Amino acid sequence: MPNKKFIYEHTVFFNETNAMGGVVYYSNYVKWQGITREDYFIKTVPEWQLIMQEVANGKVNMITVEEHSHFFKHAFFGDKITIELHTEDIKQYCFNMVFVMRNIEKDDILYKGWQKLTFDDFKGNFVPIPPPMLKSVLDHATKEEHDRYKKRYMEK
């Protein structure tokens, strides 16, 4: 069922800020993308452990090939933020994960970013998105994106 949003909540800790008044250091936003991504896989892909076995056996490798960050407002020590994740631009071998970070109390958008994930066989040959992961990826896309993928790859 498309249009699901995955939400992760985070409290900003002092070690995530710079020494100049508690402003979040920019690299933490990308770190939070990674944490949100991993939590998303654990909670929405029941077979994630089987996929990790495929990784350990050298059959499938997930690679972040692009990352983009756009900062809007600062976050500070003690802020509570939500990180919303959805997927888009889904192809046979890759997809984008889109992240929107908001200050919970102010409902301000702090950051938008995305990362493109692709899959290969550890030898440089692309392989399809693992089916259990693809189901979750399609569930967290818009209906239009879901339908576009089905038309492009599943109705042949």
N, C-alpha and C. Protein backbone atom coordinates (compact mmCIF):
# COMPACT_ATOMS: atom_id res chain seq x y z
N MET A 1 0.85 -1.18 0.00
CA MET A 1 0.00 0.00 0.00
C MET A 1 0.90 1.24 0.00
N PRO A 2 0.89 2.04 -1.09
CA PRO A 2 1.78 3.21 -1.16
C PRO A 2 1.36 4.34 -0.22
N ASN A 3 2.18 5.37 -0.19
CA ASN A 3 1.97 6.61 0.57
C ASN A 3 2.29 6.51 2.05
N LYS A 4 2.97 5.47 2.48
CA LYS A 4 3.38 5.40 3.88
C LYS A 4 4.56 6.35 4.09
N LYS A 5 4.65 6.88 5.30
CA LYS A 5 5.79 7.70 5.70
C LYS A 5 6.42 7.01 6.91
N PHE A 6 7.73 6.93 6.92
CA PHE A 6 8.44 6.40 8.06
C PHE A 6 8.95 7.58 8.87
N ILE A 7 8.69 7.58 10.17
CA ILE A 7 9.08 8.69 11.04
C ILE A 7 10.04 8.19 12.12
N TYR A 8 11.14 8.89 12.26
CA TYR A 8 12.12 8.61 13.31
C TYR A 8 12.25 9.87 14.16
N GLU A 9 12.29 9.72 15.48
CA GLU A 9 12.44 10.87 16.37
C GLU A 9 13.82 10.85 17.01
N HIS A 10 14.37 12.06 17.17
CA HIS A 10 15.72 12.19 17.72
C HIS A 10 15.80 13.42 18.61
N THR A 11 16.50 13.30 19.73
CA THR A 11 16.81 14.45 20.57
C THR A 11 18.27 14.81 20.33
N VAL A 12 18.54 16.10 20.09
CA VAL A 12 19.89 16.56 19.82
C VAL A 12 20.70 16.54 21.11
N PHE A 13 21.84 15.85 21.08
CA PHE A 13 22.73 15.79 22.22
C PHE A 13 23.87 16.80 22.06
N PHE A 14 24.46 17.17 23.17
CA PHE A 14 25.50 18.19 23.15
C PHE A 14 26.67 17.79 22.25
N ASN A 15 27.02 16.49 22.24
CA ASN A 15 28.16 16.05 21.41
C ASN A 15 27.87 16.16 19.92
N GLU A 16 26.65 16.47 19.53
CA GLU A 16 26.29 16.65 18.12
C GLU A 16 26.35 18.12 17.70
N THR A 17 26.75 18.98 18.63
CA THR A 17 26.79 20.41 18.35
C THR A 17 28.23 20.89 18.30
N ASN A 18 28.39 22.12 17.79
CA ASN A 18 29.73 22.70 17.79
C ASN A 18 29.97 23.44 19.10
N ALA A 19 31.12 23.98 19.24
CA ALA A 19 31.48 24.67 20.48
C ALA A 19 30.96 26.11 20.52
N MET A 20 30.26 26.54 19.52
CA MET A 20 29.82 27.92 19.40
C MET A 20 28.35 28.09 19.75
N GLY A 21 27.93 27.62 20.88
CA GLY A 21 26.56 27.88 21.33
C GLY A 21 25.57 26.76 21.10
N GLY A 22 26.05 25.57 20.82
CA GLY A 22 25.14 24.44 20.75
C GLY A 22 24.43 24.25 19.43
N VAL A 23 24.96 24.80 18.33
CA VAL A 23 24.37 24.59 17.01
C VAL A 23 24.81 23.23 16.49
N VAL A 24 23.87 22.47 15.94
CA VAL A 24 24.20 21.14 15.41
C VAL A 24 25.25 21.27 14.31
N TYR A 25 26.28 20.46 14.42
CA TYR A 25 27.34 20.39 13.41
C TYR A 25 26.75 19.73 12.16
N TYR A 26 27.02 20.31 10.98
CA TYR A 26 26.34 19.93 9.74
C TYR A 26 26.42 18.45 9.40
N SER A 27 27.53 17.79 9.70
CA SER A 27 27.68 16.39 9.30
C SER A 27 26.71 15.47 10.04
N ASN A 28 26.16 15.93 11.16
CA ASN A 28 25.23 15.10 11.90
C ASN A 28 23.92 14.87 11.15
N TYR A 29 23.54 15.79 10.29
CA TYR A 29 22.32 15.58 9.51
C TYR A 29 22.46 14.35 8.61
N VAL A 30 23.62 14.22 7.99
CA VAL A 30 23.87 13.05 7.14
C VAL A 30 23.94 11.79 8.00
N LYS A 31 24.56 11.91 9.18
CA LYS A 31 24.60 10.77 10.11
C LYS A 31 23.17 10.36 10.48
N TRP A 32 22.31 11.34 10.75
CA TRP A 32 20.92 11.03 11.12
C TRP A 32 20.17 10.40 9.95
N GLN A 33 20.51 10.78 8.72
CA GLN A 33 19.92 10.08 7.57
C GLN A 33 20.24 8.59 7.65
N GLY A 34 21.51 8.28 7.92
CA GLY A 34 21.93 6.88 8.00
C GLY A 34 21.23 6.13 9.12
N ILE A 35 21.11 6.76 10.28
CA ILE A 35 20.42 6.12 11.41
C ILE A 35 18.95 5.88 11.06
N THR A 36 18.32 6.86 10.46
CA THR A 36 16.91 6.72 10.06
C THR A 36 16.76 5.62 9.02
N ARG A 37 17.68 5.59 8.05
CA ARG A 37 17.65 4.56 7.01
C ARG A 37 17.75 3.17 7.63
N GLU A 38 18.69 2.98 8.56
CA GLU A 38 18.86 1.66 9.18
C GLU A 38 17.63 1.27 10.00
N ASP A 39 17.07 2.23 10.75
CA ASP A 39 15.88 1.95 11.55
C ASP A 39 14.70 1.59 10.63
N TYR A 40 14.61 2.30 9.51
CA TYR A 40 13.58 2.02 8.50
C TYR A 40 13.69 0.57 8.01
N PHE A 41 14.90 0.15 7.65
CA PHE A 41 15.07 -1.22 7.16
C PHE A 41 14.70 -2.25 8.24
N ILE A 42 15.17 -2.03 9.46
CA ILE A 42 14.88 -2.98 10.54
C ILE A 42 13.38 -3.08 10.80
N LYS A 43 12.69 -1.94 10.77
CA LYS A 43 11.27 -1.94 11.14
C LYS A 43 10.30 -2.19 10.00
N THR A 44 10.73 -2.00 8.74
CA THR A 44 9.77 -2.16 7.64
C THR A 44 10.11 -3.31 6.70
N VAL A 45 11.28 -3.91 6.86
CA VAL A 45 11.66 -5.05 6.01
C VAL A 45 11.87 -6.25 6.94
N PRO A 46 10.81 -7.04 7.18
CA PRO A 46 10.92 -8.16 8.12
C PRO A 46 12.06 -9.13 7.78
N GLU A 47 12.41 -9.22 6.50
CA GLU A 47 13.45 -10.16 6.07
C GLU A 47 14.83 -9.52 6.02
N TRP A 48 15.03 -8.40 6.70
CA TRP A 48 16.30 -7.68 6.61
C TRP A 48 17.49 -8.56 6.99
N GLN A 49 17.31 -9.48 7.93
CA GLN A 49 18.43 -10.35 8.33
C GLN A 49 18.83 -11.29 7.19
N LEU A 50 17.84 -11.75 6.41
CA LEU A 50 18.16 -12.60 5.25
C LEU A 50 18.93 -11.81 4.20
N ILE A 51 18.55 -10.54 4.02
CA ILE A 51 19.27 -9.69 3.07
C ILE A 51 20.71 -9.49 3.55
N MET A 52 20.90 -9.31 4.85
CA MET A 52 22.25 -9.13 5.39
C MET A 52 23.09 -10.40 5.19
N GLN A 53 22.44 -11.57 5.21
CA GLN A 53 23.16 -12.81 4.92
C GLN A 53 23.62 -12.82 3.46
N GLU A 54 22.77 -12.32 2.57
CA GLU A 54 23.14 -12.22 1.15
C GLU A 54 24.35 -11.29 0.99
N VAL A 55 24.35 -10.21 1.77
CA VAL A 55 25.49 -9.29 1.75
C VAL A 55 26.74 -10.02 2.24
N ALA A 56 26.64 -10.70 3.37
CA ALA A 56 27.79 -11.42 3.94
C ALA A 56 28.30 -12.51 2.99
N ASN A 57 27.41 -13.09 2.20
CA ASN A 57 27.79 -14.14 1.26
C ASN A 57 28.28 -13.59 -0.09
N GLY A 58 28.34 -12.25 -0.20
CA GLY A 58 28.86 -11.63 -1.42
C GLY A 58 27.91 -11.66 -2.59
N LYS A 59 26.61 -11.79 -2.33
CA LYS A 59 25.64 -11.87 -3.42
C LYS A 59 24.99 -10.53 -3.77
N VAL A 60 24.86 -9.66 -2.79
CA VAL A 60 24.26 -8.35 -3.04
C VAL A 60 24.94 -7.31 -2.16
N ASN A 61 25.15 -6.16 -2.73
CA ASN A 61 25.80 -5.06 -2.04
C ASN A 61 24.95 -3.81 -2.23
N MET A 62 24.66 -3.10 -1.14
CA MET A 62 23.91 -1.85 -1.23
C MET A 62 24.90 -0.70 -1.13
N ILE A 63 24.86 0.20 -2.10
CA ILE A 63 25.82 1.28 -2.18
C ILE A 63 25.09 2.62 -2.23
N THR A 64 25.54 3.57 -1.42
CA THR A 64 25.05 4.94 -1.54
C THR A 64 25.90 5.60 -2.62
N VAL A 65 25.27 5.94 -3.75
CA VAL A 65 26.01 6.50 -4.88
C VAL A 65 25.87 8.01 -4.99
N GLU A 66 24.87 8.58 -4.32
CA GLU A 66 24.70 10.04 -4.30
C GLU A 66 24.07 10.43 -2.98
N GLU A 67 24.38 11.66 -2.56
CA GLU A 67 23.77 12.23 -1.36
C GLU A 67 23.66 13.73 -1.58
N HIS A 68 22.54 14.29 -1.16
CA HIS A 68 22.32 15.73 -1.30
C HIS A 68 21.74 16.26 0.01
N SER A 69 22.23 17.42 0.45
CA SER A 69 21.75 18.04 1.68
C SER A 69 21.35 19.49 1.40
N HIS A 70 20.23 19.90 1.97
CA HIS A 70 19.78 21.30 1.88
C HIS A 70 19.37 21.73 3.29
N PHE A 71 20.10 22.69 3.83
CA PHE A 71 19.87 23.16 5.19
C PHE A 71 18.97 24.40 5.15
N PHE A 72 17.97 24.44 6.03
CA PHE A 72 17.05 25.58 6.10
C PHE A 72 17.22 26.38 7.39
N LYS A 73 17.26 25.68 8.52
CA LYS A 73 17.37 26.33 9.82
C LYS A 73 18.26 25.50 10.73
N HIS A 74 18.80 26.15 11.75
CA HIS A 74 19.65 25.44 12.71
C HIS A 74 18.82 24.58 13.66
N ALA A 75 19.44 23.51 14.11
CA ALA A 75 18.94 22.75 15.25
C ALA A 75 19.95 22.96 16.38
N PHE A 76 19.47 22.85 17.61
CA PHE A 76 20.30 23.15 18.77
C PHE A 76 20.23 22.02 19.79
N PHE A 77 21.20 22.04 20.70
CA PHE A 77 21.22 21.10 21.81
C PHE A 77 19.84 21.06 22.49
N GLY A 78 19.33 19.86 22.70
CA GLY A 78 18.05 19.66 23.37
C GLY A 78 16.84 19.66 22.47
N ASP A 79 16.99 20.11 21.22
CA ASP A 79 15.85 20.10 20.30
C ASP A 79 15.39 18.67 20.06
N LYS A 80 14.11 18.52 19.92
CA LYS A 80 13.53 17.24 19.51
C LYS A 80 13.14 17.40 18.04
N ILE A 81 13.62 16.46 17.24
CA ILE A 81 13.34 16.54 15.81
C ILE A 81 12.71 15.25 15.32
N THR A 82 11.94 15.38 14.25
CA THR A 82 11.45 14.20 13.54
C THR A 82 12.16 14.15 12.20
N ILE A 83 12.40 12.94 11.77
CA ILE A 83 12.99 12.71 10.46
C ILE A 83 12.00 11.82 9.70
N GLU A 84 11.41 12.40 8.68
CA GLU A 84 10.43 11.68 7.86
C GLU A 84 11.13 11.14 6.62
N LEU A 85 10.87 9.89 6.31
CA LEU A 85 11.50 9.24 5.17
C LEU A 85 10.42 8.75 4.22
N HIS A 86 10.62 9.02 2.94
CA HIS A 86 9.82 8.38 1.90
C HIS A 86 10.75 8.07 0.72
N THR A 87 10.26 7.31 -0.23
CA THR A 87 11.09 6.88 -1.36
C THR A 87 10.54 7.47 -2.66
N GLU A 88 11.45 7.61 -3.63
CA GLU A 88 11.04 8.11 -4.94
C GLU A 88 12.07 7.70 -5.99
N ASP A 89 11.75 7.97 -7.24
CA ASP A 89 12.62 7.67 -8.38
C ASP A 89 13.08 6.21 -8.33
N ILE A 90 12.12 5.31 -8.18
CA ILE A 90 12.41 3.88 -8.02
C ILE A 90 12.62 3.25 -9.40
N LYS A 91 13.78 2.64 -9.53
CA LYS A 91 14.13 1.94 -10.76
C LYS A 91 14.40 0.48 -10.40
N GLN A 92 14.76 -0.32 -11.37
CA GLN A 92 14.98 -1.75 -11.13
C GLN A 92 16.16 -1.99 -10.17
N TYR A 93 17.22 -1.18 -10.27
CA TYR A 93 18.43 -1.41 -9.49
C TYR A 93 18.70 -0.35 -8.42
N CYS A 94 17.87 0.69 -8.35
CA CYS A 94 18.16 1.79 -7.43
C CYS A 94 16.89 2.56 -7.05
N PHE A 95 17.01 3.36 -6.02
CA PHE A 95 15.92 4.24 -5.60
C PHE A 95 16.50 5.35 -4.74
N ASN A 96 15.71 6.39 -4.55
CA ASN A 96 16.11 7.50 -3.67
C ASN A 96 15.33 7.40 -2.37
N MET A 97 16.03 7.71 -1.29
CA MET A 97 15.40 7.88 0.01
C MET A 97 15.44 9.38 0.30
N VAL A 98 14.28 9.94 0.61
CA VAL A 98 14.16 11.38 0.84
C VAL A 98 13.90 11.59 2.33
N PHE A 99 14.61 12.54 2.91
CA PHE A 99 14.54 12.82 4.35
C PHE A 99 14.12 14.27 4.57
N VAL A 100 13.14 14.48 5.43
CA VAL A 100 12.73 15.82 5.84
C VAL A 100 12.82 15.86 7.36
N MET A 101 13.64 16.79 7.86
CA MET A 101 13.84 16.91 9.31
C MET A 101 13.14 18.17 9.79
N ARG A 102 12.37 18.00 10.88
CA ARG A 102 11.60 19.11 11.45
C ARG A 102 11.85 19.22 12.95
N ASN A 103 11.82 20.45 13.44
CA ASN A 103 11.81 20.71 14.86
C ASN A 103 10.39 20.41 15.33
N ILE A 104 10.22 19.47 16.26
CA ILE A 104 8.89 19.04 16.69
C ILE A 104 8.11 20.19 17.31
N GLU A 105 8.75 20.95 18.21
CA GLU A 105 8.03 21.99 18.94
C GLU A 105 7.63 23.16 18.05
N LYS A 106 8.49 23.52 17.09
CA LYS A 106 8.21 24.68 16.24
C LYS A 106 7.59 24.29 14.90
N ASP A 107 7.61 23.02 14.58
CA ASP A 107 7.17 22.49 13.29
C ASP A 107 7.88 23.18 12.12
N ASP A 108 9.13 23.59 12.35
CA ASP A 108 9.95 24.20 11.31
C ASP A 108 10.70 23.11 10.55
N ILE A 109 10.78 23.27 9.25
CA ILE A 109 11.64 22.38 8.46
C ILE A 109 13.07 22.85 8.66
N LEU A 110 13.92 21.94 9.10
CA LEU A 110 15.33 22.23 9.32
C LEU A 110 16.20 21.83 8.14
N TYR A 111 15.79 20.77 7.48
CA TYR A 111 16.69 20.13 6.52
C TYR A 111 15.88 19.23 5.59
N LYS A 112 16.29 19.20 4.34
CA LYS A 112 15.79 18.20 3.39
C LYS A 112 17.02 17.61 2.72
N GLY A 113 16.98 16.31 2.54
CA GLY A 113 18.09 15.65 1.87
C GLY A 113 17.64 14.36 1.23
N TRP A 114 18.48 13.81 0.40
CA TRP A 114 18.18 12.51 -0.20
C TRP A 114 19.47 11.77 -0.45
N GLN A 115 19.31 10.47 -0.58
CA GLN A 115 20.43 9.64 -1.00
C GLN A 115 19.92 8.58 -1.96
N LYS A 116 20.74 8.30 -2.97
CA LYS A 116 20.41 7.27 -3.96
C LYS A 116 21.15 6.00 -3.58
N LEU A 117 20.39 4.93 -3.44
CA LEU A 117 20.95 3.61 -3.15
C LEU A 117 20.85 2.75 -4.39
N THR A 118 21.90 2.01 -4.66
CA THR A 118 21.89 1.07 -5.77
C THR A 118 22.47 -0.26 -5.28
N PHE A 119 22.29 -1.29 -6.06
CA PHE A 119 22.67 -2.64 -5.66
C PHE A 119 23.53 -3.27 -6.74
N ASP A 120 24.58 -3.97 -6.28
CA ASP A 120 25.41 -4.73 -7.21
C ASP A 120 25.81 -6.07 -6.59
N ASP A 121 26.58 -6.84 -7.34
CA ASP A 121 26.97 -8.18 -6.90
C ASP A 121 28.40 -8.22 -6.35
N PHE A 122 28.93 -7.09 -5.92
CA PHE A 122 30.30 -6.93 -5.43
C PHE A 122 31.32 -7.02 -6.55
N LYS A 123 30.86 -7.17 -7.80
CA LYS A 123 31.77 -7.23 -8.94
C LYS A 123 31.48 -6.11 -9.93
N GLY A 124 30.62 -5.19 -9.53
CA GLY A 124 30.29 -4.06 -10.41
C GLY A 124 29.11 -4.30 -11.32
N ASN A 125 28.45 -5.45 -11.20
CA ASN A 125 27.27 -5.74 -12.00
C ASN A 125 26.03 -5.40 -11.19
N PHE A 126 25.16 -4.55 -11.75
CA PHE A 126 23.95 -4.19 -11.04
C PHE A 126 23.05 -5.39 -10.84
N VAL A 127 22.38 -5.44 -9.70
CA VAL A 127 21.39 -6.48 -9.42
C VAL A 127 20.12 -5.78 -8.94
N PRO A 128 18.96 -6.42 -9.15
CA PRO A 128 17.70 -5.80 -8.73
C PRO A 128 17.63 -5.57 -7.22
N ILE A 129 16.85 -4.60 -6.84
CA ILE A 129 16.57 -4.34 -5.42
C ILE A 129 16.03 -5.65 -4.84
N PRO A 130 16.56 -6.12 -3.72
CA PRO A 130 16.04 -7.37 -3.13
C PRO A 130 14.52 -7.28 -2.93
N PRO A 131 13.77 -8.31 -3.35
CA PRO A 131 12.30 -8.26 -3.31
C PRO A 131 11.69 -7.84 -1.96
N PRO A 132 12.16 -8.35 -0.81
CA PRO A 132 11.54 -7.90 0.44
C PRO A 132 11.75 -6.39 0.69
N MET A 133 12.90 -5.89 0.27
CA MET A 133 13.17 -4.47 0.41
C MET A 133 12.33 -3.67 -0.59
N LEU A 134 12.19 -4.18 -1.79
CA LEU A 134 11.41 -3.50 -2.82
C LEU A 134 9.97 -3.29 -2.36
N LYS A 135 9.41 -4.27 -1.69
CA LYS A 135 8.04 -4.12 -1.19
C LYS A 135 7.93 -2.91 -0.28
N SER A 136 8.85 -2.77 0.67
CA SER A 136 8.83 -1.62 1.58
C SER A 136 9.09 -0.32 0.83
N VAL A 137 10.03 -0.35 -0.10
CA VAL A 137 10.34 0.85 -0.89
C VAL A 137 9.09 1.32 -1.64
N LEU A 138 8.36 0.40 -2.25
CA LEU A 138 7.13 0.77 -2.97
C LEU A 138 6.05 1.25 -2.01
N ASP A 139 5.98 0.65 -0.83
CA ASP A 139 4.99 1.09 0.17
C ASP A 139 5.24 2.52 0.65
N HIS A 140 6.49 2.95 0.62
CA HIS A 140 6.85 4.28 1.13
C HIS A 140 7.04 5.30 0.01
N ALA A 141 6.51 5.00 -1.15
CA ALA A 141 6.50 5.93 -2.29
C ALA A 141 5.08 6.48 -2.47
N THR A 142 4.96 7.52 -3.27
CA THR A 142 3.63 8.01 -3.60
C THR A 142 2.92 6.99 -4.46
N LYS A 143 1.62 7.07 -4.54
CA LYS A 143 0.85 6.16 -5.39
C LYS A 143 1.30 6.28 -6.85
N GLU A 144 1.57 7.50 -7.28
CA GLU A 144 2.01 7.73 -8.65
C GLU A 144 3.35 7.04 -8.92
N GLU A 145 4.28 7.17 -7.98
CA GLU A 145 5.58 6.54 -8.13
C GLU A 145 5.44 5.02 -8.12
N HIS A 146 4.61 4.50 -7.23
CA HIS A 146 4.33 3.07 -7.14
C HIS A 146 3.78 2.56 -8.47
N ASP A 147 2.78 3.25 -9.01
CA ASP A 147 2.15 2.83 -10.27
C ASP A 147 3.14 2.92 -11.44
N ARG A 148 3.98 3.95 -11.44
CA ARG A 148 4.98 4.11 -12.50
C ARG A 148 5.96 2.93 -12.49
N TYR A 149 6.40 2.52 -11.30
CA TYR A 149 7.31 1.38 -11.18
C TYR A 149 6.63 0.11 -11.69
N LYS A 150 5.40 -0.14 -11.23
CA LYS A 150 4.69 -1.35 -11.66
C LYS A 150 4.54 -1.39 -13.17
N LYS A 151 4.19 -0.26 -13.76
CA LYS A 151 4.01 -0.22 -15.21
C LYS A 151 5.34 -0.47 -15.93
N ARG A 152 6.40 0.10 -15.42
CA ARG A 152 7.71 0.02 -16.06
C ARG A 152 8.35 -1.37 -15.93
N TYR A 153 8.20 -2.01 -14.75
CA TYR A 153 8.97 -3.23 -14.50
C TYR A 153 8.15 -4.49 -14.21
N MET A 154 6.91 -4.33 -13.80
CA MET A 154 6.15 -5.51 -13.38
C MET A 154 5.10 -5.95 -14.38
N GLU A 155 4.78 -5.11 -15.33
CA GLU A 155 3.71 -5.46 -16.28
C GLU A 155 4.27 -5.87 -17.62
N LYS A 156 5.46 -6.44 -17.62
CA LYS A 156 6.07 -6.87 -18.89
C LYS A 156 5.91 -8.35 -19.07
